[in-house]
Amino acid sequence: MRLFAAVLPPPAAIDDLAAELAAVRRLPEAERLRWTGHDGWHFTLAFYGEVAEELLPELHTRLARAAHRHPPFPLRISGGGRFDHKVLWAGAAGGREAMRHLADSTGAAARRAGVDMDEHRRYTPHLTLARHRGDDRVDLVPFVDALAEYESAEWEVAELALVRSNLPTSGVPGEQPRYEKVASWPLGHAGR
């Protein structure tokens, strides 16, 4: 199954971001972007790709340990950014360093569980909002600028989630992956 570790924003933060994006989606050329669905908004910590069933028990054990070693931390959705001309995202503030450490731990947990983690990049906490996959470019700078002052209300990240990515199967252009939380663990001593 195709899996990743993530921080899932609470519904109030998702609703607030969706309201902010209503104006952003009216900018010129917004229709040329493929906007992600609200139900898929998350902060990926570590992407695992296809994970064999036999690795799941050890992965769960190691992710539970990783979650236990990290205390809950404050976070808010903040500002925006882009990866080249292809991906528009919302950023994070308040607990960026704590989230980076948690991301490192979730990657290490997977490697120790036997998951092939051959691709390593510097962690940039982001929540993907839109993608462009055409040959011609869309200038994402106006979208990033429109999000520059955005700040959601702060919440406490209290759990680590393991999420399954169900890729589109219908063949309908623009169909989005569906995300399903398959397990979660409280951070620190939140579960005691």
Protein backbone atom coordinates (compact mmCIF):
# COMPACT_ATOMS: atom_id res chain seq x y z
CA MET A 1 0.00 0.00 0.00
CA ARG A 2 1.15 3.55 -0.74
CA LEU A 3 1.80 5.33 2.56
CA PHE A 4 3.14 8.50 4.14
CA ALA A 5 3.47 9.98 7.62
CA ALA A 6 1.69 13.29 8.15
CA VAL A 7 0.38 16.02 10.38
CA LEU A 8 -3.32 16.55 9.69
CA PRO A 9 -4.69 20.05 10.35
CA PRO A 10 -7.95 20.21 12.32
CA PRO A 11 -11.22 20.95 10.47
CA ALA A 12 -11.29 24.58 11.68
CA ALA A 13 -7.87 25.27 10.09
CA ILE A 14 -8.96 23.56 6.86
CA ASP A 15 -12.16 25.62 6.73
CA ASP A 16 -10.26 28.84 7.38
CA LEU A 17 -7.75 28.09 4.60
CA ALA A 18 -10.57 27.18 2.21
CA ALA A 19 -12.22 30.55 2.87
CA GLU A 20 -8.92 32.35 2.19
CA LEU A 21 -8.43 30.43 -1.05
CA ALA A 22 -11.80 31.50 -2.41
CA ALA A 23 -10.28 34.89 -3.33
CA VAL A 24 -6.96 33.38 -4.48
CA ARG A 25 -8.81 31.08 -6.87
CA ARG A 26 -10.30 34.13 -8.61
CA LEU A 27 -6.86 35.41 -9.70
CA PRO A 28 -6.03 35.38 -13.42
CA GLU A 29 -4.93 31.96 -14.67
CA ALA A 30 -6.26 30.15 -11.59
CA GLU A 31 -8.31 27.94 -13.89
CA ARG A 32 -5.07 26.58 -15.38
CA LEU A 33 -4.10 25.10 -12.04
CA ARG A 34 -5.34 21.77 -10.69
CA TRP A 35 -6.49 22.62 -7.15
CA THR A 36 -6.26 19.97 -4.47
CA GLY A 37 -9.31 18.92 -2.49
CA HIS A 38 -9.79 20.12 1.08
CA ASP A 39 -10.10 16.55 2.33
CA GLY A 40 -6.56 15.89 1.13
CA TRP A 41 -4.84 18.82 2.84
CA HIS A 42 -2.02 17.64 5.07
CA PHE A 43 1.61 18.26 5.95
CA THR A 44 3.61 15.27 4.73
CA LEU A 45 6.41 14.35 7.12
CA ALA A 46 7.87 11.40 5.20
CA PHE A 47 6.69 9.74 1.98
CA TYR A 48 7.15 5.97 1.97
CA GLY A 49 5.69 4.97 -1.38
CA GLU A 50 4.63 1.34 -1.72
CA VAL A 51 5.11 -0.50 1.57
CA ALA A 52 4.90 -4.29 1.71
CA GLU A 53 2.29 -5.74 4.10
CA GLU A 54 4.92 -7.68 6.03
CA LEU A 55 6.69 -4.41 7.00
CA LEU A 56 3.57 -2.80 8.49
CA PRO A 57 3.79 -4.22 12.05
CA GLU A 58 7.39 -3.02 12.46
CA LEU A 59 6.59 0.33 10.83
CA HIS A 60 3.69 0.84 13.25
CA THR A 61 5.89 -0.04 16.23
CA ARG A 62 8.64 2.34 15.16
CA LEU A 63 6.24 5.20 14.35
CA ALA A 64 4.62 4.78 17.77
CA ARG A 65 8.07 5.11 19.37
CA ALA A 66 8.88 8.15 17.24
CA ALA A 67 5.59 9.83 18.23
CA HIS A 68 6.25 9.12 21.90
CA ARG A 69 9.66 10.86 21.74
CA HIS A 70 8.20 14.15 20.43
CA PRO A 71 5.99 16.39 22.58
CA PRO A 72 2.91 18.09 21.15
CA PHE A 73 3.72 21.43 19.52
CA PRO A 74 1.87 24.54 18.30
CA LEU A 75 1.34 25.01 14.58
CA ARG A 76 -0.56 27.24 12.21
CA ILE A 77 -0.91 27.43 8.45
CA SER A 78 1.02 30.47 7.32
CA GLY A 79 1.82 32.18 4.04
CA GLY A 80 2.51 30.45 0.78
CA GLY A 81 5.25 29.33 -1.52
CA ARG A 82 5.99 27.40 -4.67
CA PHE A 83 8.17 24.66 -6.02
CA ASP A 84 9.38 25.98 -9.37
CA HIS A 85 6.39 26.75 -11.57
CA LYS A 86 4.57 23.51 -10.80
CA VAL A 87 3.33 23.47 -7.18
CA LEU A 88 1.63 26.14 -5.07
CA TRP A 89 1.60 25.50 -1.34
CA ALA A 90 0.70 26.96 2.04
CA GLY A 91 3.42 27.01 4.67
CA ALA A 92 3.63 26.39 8.39
CA ALA A 93 4.62 28.56 11.33
CA GLY A 94 4.93 28.21 15.07
CA GLY A 95 6.27 24.67 15.25
CA ARG A 96 8.41 24.37 12.13
CA GLU A 97 11.49 23.11 13.97
CA ALA A 98 9.47 20.58 15.98
CA MET A 99 7.81 19.39 12.77
CA ARG A 100 11.19 19.05 11.05
CA HIS A 101 12.46 16.88 13.91
CA LEU A 102 9.29 14.77 13.74
CA ALA A 103 9.78 14.41 9.96
CA ASP A 104 13.36 13.22 10.52
CA SER A 105 12.14 10.67 13.06
CA THR A 106 9.40 9.33 10.79
CA GLY A 107 11.90 8.86 7.98
CA ALA A 108 14.34 7.07 10.30
CA ALA A 109 11.54 4.88 11.70
CA ALA A 110 10.63 3.74 8.21
CA ARG A 111 14.24 2.99 7.25
CA ARG A 112 14.68 0.92 10.43
CA ALA A 113 11.46 -0.94 9.62
CA GLY A 114 12.88 -1.89 6.21
CA VAL A 115 11.05 0.65 4.04
CA ASP A 116 13.15 1.78 1.09
CA MET A 117 13.75 5.48 1.72
CA ASP A 118 16.20 6.15 -1.09
CA GLU A 119 15.07 9.68 -1.87
CA HIS A 120 16.08 12.31 0.68
CA ARG A 121 15.46 16.05 0.35
CA ARG A 122 15.63 18.92 2.74
CA TYR A 123 12.32 19.05 4.58
CA THR A 124 10.08 21.97 3.67
CA PRO A 125 6.81 21.90 5.66
CA HIS A 126 4.06 22.59 3.17
CA LEU A 127 0.46 21.84 2.37
CA THR A 128 -0.06 21.43 -1.39
CA LEU A 129 -2.82 23.68 -2.75
CA ALA A 130 -2.48 23.40 -6.53
CA ARG A 131 -0.36 21.87 -9.28
CA HIS A 132 0.36 22.75 -12.86
CA ARG A 133 1.46 19.97 -15.18
CA GLY A 134 1.09 21.53 -18.59
CA ASP A 135 3.92 22.33 -20.94
CA ASP A 136 3.35 26.08 -20.70
CA ARG A 137 4.05 27.76 -17.40
CA VAL A 138 1.71 29.53 -15.04
CA ASP A 139 3.30 32.35 -13.07
CA LEU A 140 2.70 31.28 -9.47
CA VAL A 141 4.18 34.44 -7.95
CA PRO A 142 0.83 36.31 -7.80
CA PHE A 143 -0.69 33.32 -5.96
CA VAL A 144 2.20 33.19 -3.49
CA ASP A 145 1.91 36.96 -2.98
CA ALA A 146 -1.83 36.63 -2.33
CA LEU A 147 -1.09 34.16 0.48
CA ALA A 148 1.83 36.11 1.96
CA GLU A 149 -0.09 37.59 4.89
CA TYR A 150 -2.29 34.56 5.57
CA GLU A 151 -2.21 33.08 9.09
CA SER A 152 -4.63 30.48 10.40
CA ALA A 153 -5.46 30.19 14.07
CA GLU A 154 -2.91 28.17 16.00
CA TRP A 155 -3.64 24.61 17.12
CA GLU A 156 -1.68 21.97 18.99
CA VAL A 157 -0.35 19.07 16.94
CA ALA A 158 -0.99 16.13 19.25
CA GLU A 159 -0.72 13.13 16.92
CA LEU A 160 1.28 11.57 14.14
CA ALA A 161 -0.81 10.02 11.36
CA LEU A 162 -0.02 7.24 8.91
CA VAL A 163 -1.96 7.93 5.73
CA ARG A 164 -2.72 5.74 2.73
CA SER A 165 -2.77 7.38 -0.67
CA ASN A 166 -5.30 5.79 -3.00
CA LEU A 167 -4.37 6.84 -6.51
CA PRO A 168 -7.10 7.66 -9.04
CA THR A 169 -8.44 4.66 -10.91
CA SER A 170 -11.29 6.03 -13.02
CA GLY A 171 -9.13 7.56 -15.72
CA VAL A 172 -11.13 10.79 -15.45
CA PRO A 173 -8.81 13.77 -16.07
CA GLY A 174 -8.24 15.81 -12.93
CA GLU A 175 -9.34 13.08 -10.53
CA GLN A 176 -7.58 13.51 -7.18
CA PRO A 177 -5.96 10.84 -5.00
CA ARG A 178 -8.02 9.88 -1.96
CA TYR A 179 -6.32 9.89 1.43
CA GLU A 180 -7.24 7.59 4.28
CA LYS A 181 -5.80 7.73 7.79
CA VAL A 182 -4.90 4.13 8.62
CA ALA A 183 -3.26 4.67 12.03
CA SER A 184 -2.25 7.42 14.42
CA TRP A 185 -0.22 7.80 17.57
CA PRO A 186 -0.29 10.50 20.25
CA LEU A 187 2.76 12.70 20.53
CA GLY A 188 4.71 12.64 23.79
CA HIS A 189 2.61 11.67 26.74
CA ALA A 190 -0.64 12.92 25.16
CA GLY A 191 -2.10 9.41 25.24
CA ARG A 192 -1.46 8.76 28.92
